[in-house]
Protein backbone atom coordinates (compact mmCIF):
# COMPACT_ATOMS: atom_id res chain seq x y z
CA UNK A 1 10.14 0.78 61.40
CA UNK A 2 8.71 4.04 62.57
CA UNK A 3 5.76 5.84 60.95
CA UNK A 4 7.95 8.47 59.34
CA UNK A 5 10.13 5.84 57.65
CA UNK A 6 7.04 3.97 56.39
CA UNK A 7 5.55 7.15 54.96
CA UNK A 8 8.87 7.95 53.28
CA UNK A 9 9.06 4.44 51.83
CA UNK A 10 5.48 4.69 50.49
CA UNK A 11 6.26 8.09 49.00
CA UNK A 12 9.36 6.78 47.21
CA UNK A 13 7.54 3.69 45.86
CA UNK A 14 4.66 5.88 44.64
CA UNK A 15 7.05 8.26 42.91
CA UNK A 16 8.95 5.41 41.26
CA UNK A 17 5.65 3.90 40.12
CA UNK A 18 4.54 7.22 38.63
CA UNK A 19 7.88 7.70 36.86
CA UNK A 20 7.76 4.13 35.48
CA UNK A 21 4.17 4.61 34.28
CA UNK A 22 5.07 7.92 32.62
CA UNK A 23 8.10 6.34 30.93
CA UNK A 24 5.99 3.45 29.59
CA UNK A 25 3.46 5.93 28.18
CA UNK A 26 6.25 7.95 26.55
CA UNK A 27 7.77 4.78 25.05
CA UNK A 28 4.35 3.75 23.73
CA UNK A 29 3.89 7.22 22.20
CA UNK A 30 7.31 7.01 20.54
CA UNK A 31 6.38 3.65 18.97
CA UNK A 32 3.16 5.12 17.57
CA UNK A 33 4.96 8.24 16.34
CA UNK A 34 7.55 6.05 14.63
CA UNK A 35 4.74 4.33 12.74
CA UNK A 36 3.27 7.51 11.27
CA UNK A 37 2.93 7.94 7.52
CA UNK A 38 5.96 9.49 5.89
CA UNK A 39 6.29 10.88 2.38
CA UNK A 40 9.36 8.70 1.82
CA UNK A 41 7.43 5.46 2.24
CA UNK A 42 4.57 6.45 -0.06
CA UNK A 43 6.24 8.56 -2.74
CA UNK A 44 6.97 5.36 -4.69
CA UNK A 45 3.61 3.79 -3.91
CA UNK A 46 3.38 2.43 -7.47
CA UNK A 47 6.12 -0.02 -6.55
CA UNK A 48 3.70 -1.54 -4.04
CA UNK A 49 1.36 -4.35 -5.04
CA UNK A 50 -1.33 -3.07 -7.40
CA UNK A 51 -4.65 -4.60 -6.35
CA UNK A 52 -6.82 -3.79 -9.38
CA UNK A 53 -5.53 -3.53 -12.94
CA UNK A 54 -8.24 -1.22 -14.31
CA UNK A 55 -9.43 1.89 -12.46
CA UNK A 56 -12.79 1.39 -10.79
CA UNK A 57 -15.56 3.96 -10.39
CA UNK A 58 -15.96 5.50 -6.96
CA UNK A 59 -19.24 5.49 -5.11
CA UNK A 60 -20.80 8.94 -5.63
CA UNK A 61 -21.02 9.84 -1.94
CA UNK A 62 -17.41 8.81 -1.32
CA UNK A 63 -16.22 10.77 -4.34
CA UNK A 64 -17.67 13.93 -2.84
CA UNK A 65 -16.39 13.28 0.69
CA UNK A 66 -12.91 12.22 -0.30
CA UNK A 67 -11.92 15.00 -2.69
CA UNK A 68 -9.98 18.23 -2.68
CA UNK A 69 -11.77 21.56 -3.08
CA UNK A 70 -14.26 21.81 -5.94
CA UNK A 71 -12.47 24.98 -7.02
CA UNK A 72 -9.53 22.79 -8.04
CA UNK A 73 -11.32 19.86 -9.66
CA UNK A 74 -14.73 21.21 -10.65
CA UNK A 75 -18.16 19.64 -10.30
CA UNK A 76 -17.50 16.92 -12.89
CA UNK A 77 -14.72 15.25 -10.93
CA UNK A 78 -15.13 11.55 -11.82
CA UNK A 79 -12.04 9.67 -10.75
CA UNK A 80 -11.13 6.09 -11.32
CA UNK A 81 -9.65 4.36 -8.31
CA UNK A 82 -6.64 2.08 -8.17
CA UNK A 83 -5.61 0.45 -4.89
CA UNK A 84 -2.02 -0.27 -3.92
CA UNK A 85 -0.93 -2.08 -0.75
CA UNK A 86 2.47 -2.61 0.80
CA UNK A 87 3.83 -6.07 1.55
CA UNK A 88 2.70 -5.95 5.18
CA UNK A 89 -0.89 -5.30 4.11
CA UNK A 90 -0.59 -7.95 1.40
CA UNK A 91 0.36 -10.53 4.02
CA UNK A 92 -2.43 -9.17 6.23
CA UNK A 93 -4.98 -9.80 3.46
CA UNK A 94 -4.07 -13.50 3.62
CA UNK A 95 -4.80 -13.72 7.35
CA UNK A 96 -7.65 -11.19 7.46
CA UNK A 97 -10.54 -13.69 7.23
CA UNK A 98 -9.37 -15.26 10.51
CA UNK A 99 -7.91 -12.26 12.34
CA UNK A 100 -10.35 -9.58 11.08
CA UNK A 101 -7.45 -7.13 11.44
CA UNK A 102 -4.51 -5.84 9.45
CA UNK A 103 -1.02 -5.91 11.00
CA UNK A 104 0.68 -2.73 12.19
CA UNK A 105 2.56 -1.14 9.30
CA UNK A 106 -0.08 -2.03 6.70
CA UNK A 107 -0.46 0.71 4.09
CA UNK A 108 -3.41 1.05 1.73
CA UNK A 109 -3.11 3.70 -0.98
CA UNK A 110 -6.09 4.77 -3.04
CA UNK A 111 -4.99 6.49 -6.23
CA UNK A 112 -7.58 8.80 -7.80
CA UNK A 113 -7.15 9.01 -11.55
CA UNK A 114 -9.14 12.00 -12.72
CA UNK A 115 -9.56 10.70 -16.28
CA UNK A 116 -9.00 7.04 -15.43
CA UNK A 117 -5.46 7.21 -16.82
CA UNK A 118 -2.21 6.82 -14.91
CA UNK A 119 -1.01 10.27 -15.99
CA UNK A 120 -4.13 12.02 -14.65
CA UNK A 121 -3.54 11.27 -10.97
CA UNK A 122 -4.03 14.36 -8.86
CA UNK A 123 -4.39 12.98 -5.36
CA UNK A 124 -3.92 9.83 -3.35
CA UNK A 125 -5.39 8.94 -0.01
CA UNK A 126 -3.40 6.79 2.38
CA UNK A 127 -4.34 4.64 5.36
CA UNK A 128 -1.60 3.26 7.59
CA UNK A 129 -2.16 0.92 10.53
CA UNK A 130 -0.16 2.44 13.37
CA UNK A 131 -1.50 0.55 16.40
CA UNK A 132 -2.40 -3.08 16.99
CA UNK A 133 -5.61 -2.30 18.84
CA UNK A 134 -9.06 -1.83 17.34
CA UNK A 135 -9.56 1.79 18.38
CA UNK A 136 -10.54 4.48 15.91
CA UNK A 137 -7.04 5.89 16.06
CA UNK A 138 -5.39 2.58 15.13
CA UNK A 139 -5.18 3.88 11.54
CA UNK A 140 -3.72 7.15 10.32
CA UNK A 141 -5.24 8.84 7.27
CA UNK A 142 -3.61 11.29 4.87
CA UNK A 143 -4.34 12.88 1.50
CA UNK A 144 -1.55 14.04 -0.82
CA UNK A 145 -1.28 16.11 -3.97
CA UNK A 146 1.04 13.91 -6.05
CA UNK A 147 2.19 16.75 -8.27
CA UNK A 148 3.85 18.61 -5.39
CA UNK A 149 3.93 15.80 -2.80
CA UNK A 150 2.33 18.12 -0.29
CA UNK A 151 -0.17 16.88 2.22
CA UNK A 152 -3.65 18.25 1.62
CA UNK A 153 -4.93 19.72 4.85
CA UNK A 154 -8.44 18.30 4.93
CA UNK A 155 -9.32 20.52 7.87
CA UNK A 156 -8.64 23.78 6.05
CA UNK A 157 -11.62 25.87 4.89
CA UNK A 158 -10.47 25.46 1.28
CA UNK A 159 -10.92 21.69 1.42
CA UNK A 160 -14.13 19.81 0.95
CA UNK A 161 -16.06 20.09 4.22
CA UNK A 162 -16.94 16.41 4.22
CA UNK A 163 -13.33 15.27 3.86
CA UNK A 164 -12.34 16.91 7.14
CA UNK A 165 -12.70 13.74 9.15
CA UNK A 166 -11.77 10.48 7.42
CA UNK A 167 -12.72 8.41 10.44
CA UNK A 168 -16.22 9.89 10.15
CA UNK A 169 -16.77 7.45 7.29
CA UNK A 170 -14.33 4.71 8.24
CA UNK A 171 -15.85 4.22 11.71
CA UNK A 172 -18.81 2.56 9.99
CA UNK A 173 -16.44 -0.27 9.07
CA UNK A 174 -15.04 -1.13 12.50
CA UNK A 175 -15.81 -4.82 11.91
CA UNK A 176 -13.53 -4.67 8.84
CA UNK A 177 -10.73 -3.02 10.81
CA UNK A 178 -11.94 0.34 9.40
CA UNK A 179 -11.59 -0.69 5.73
CA UNK A 180 -14.82 -0.20 3.77
CA UNK A 181 -16.91 -3.17 2.67
CA UNK A 182 -16.24 -2.52 -1.01
CA UNK A 183 -12.54 -1.85 -0.45
CA UNK A 184 -12.24 -5.05 1.57
CA UNK A 185 -14.06 -7.03 -1.14
CA UNK A 186 -11.51 -5.75 -3.63
CA UNK A 187 -8.54 -6.52 -1.37
CA UNK A 188 -9.85 -10.03 -0.68
CA UNK A 189 -10.36 -10.65 -4.39
CA UNK A 190 -14.11 -10.08 -4.79
CA UNK A 191 -14.25 -6.75 -6.65
CA UNK A 192 -17.47 -4.90 -7.38
CA UNK A 193 -17.93 -2.22 -10.03
CA UNK A 194 -17.83 0.70 -7.59
CA UNK A 195 -15.35 1.18 -4.79
CA UNK A 196 -15.79 3.16 -1.61
CA UNK A 197 -13.04 4.23 0.79
C-alpha cells in the first residue's frame, strides 16, 4: 500500500469513528430527553403512592427556598407537605439500602398544602431520575402551579431567589442519591416531624 492510500484509509476510519461517536452521543441525549418530566405523567400525581397520610411541617429554611414569590403567598406561608412516589420509585425504596440509588424513571412529588388541607394545594415540586449515573444532573427538578398546571419558572425575577437552583440544596445529599436526609427517612419509613426537600 502506498502512503497516499494509507493516509486515505486513516482519514476514512477517523471520520467513521467521529460519526459513530456523534451518533452515540445523540442517541444518549435522546434517551435523557425522553425521560424528562412531562405534565401528563404528574397531573394525576395523587394516583401515585401516598407516602405520608398527614401533612408534615416543612423545615423553615426549606420552606423559604422552595416557594413561589412572597407576593403570591405572603410571609406567613406555612405549608404541610405530602409526598407521593410513582411505582418505579416505590420499588427503588425497597432496594435503596443496598443500592443507595433510585432507578431511572423514579418520580418524587412533594405536595405543598398551604393550610394543611388537600384543597389548599398551590404548588408541587417534582424530582425525576433521568439518568442512571450519580451526577448532579441525574435528577430533573420542576415546580408547578397546580391550579393552572403551568411550570413555575424558578429562575425568573418574580420567583424566590433561593429557589432558582434546586440542586443548590440537593447536592448536599449526594450520598442519598440527592434526596434529603429527612425526605429519605420518610420514604424508608422513619418519618420525623419536619420534612426537608
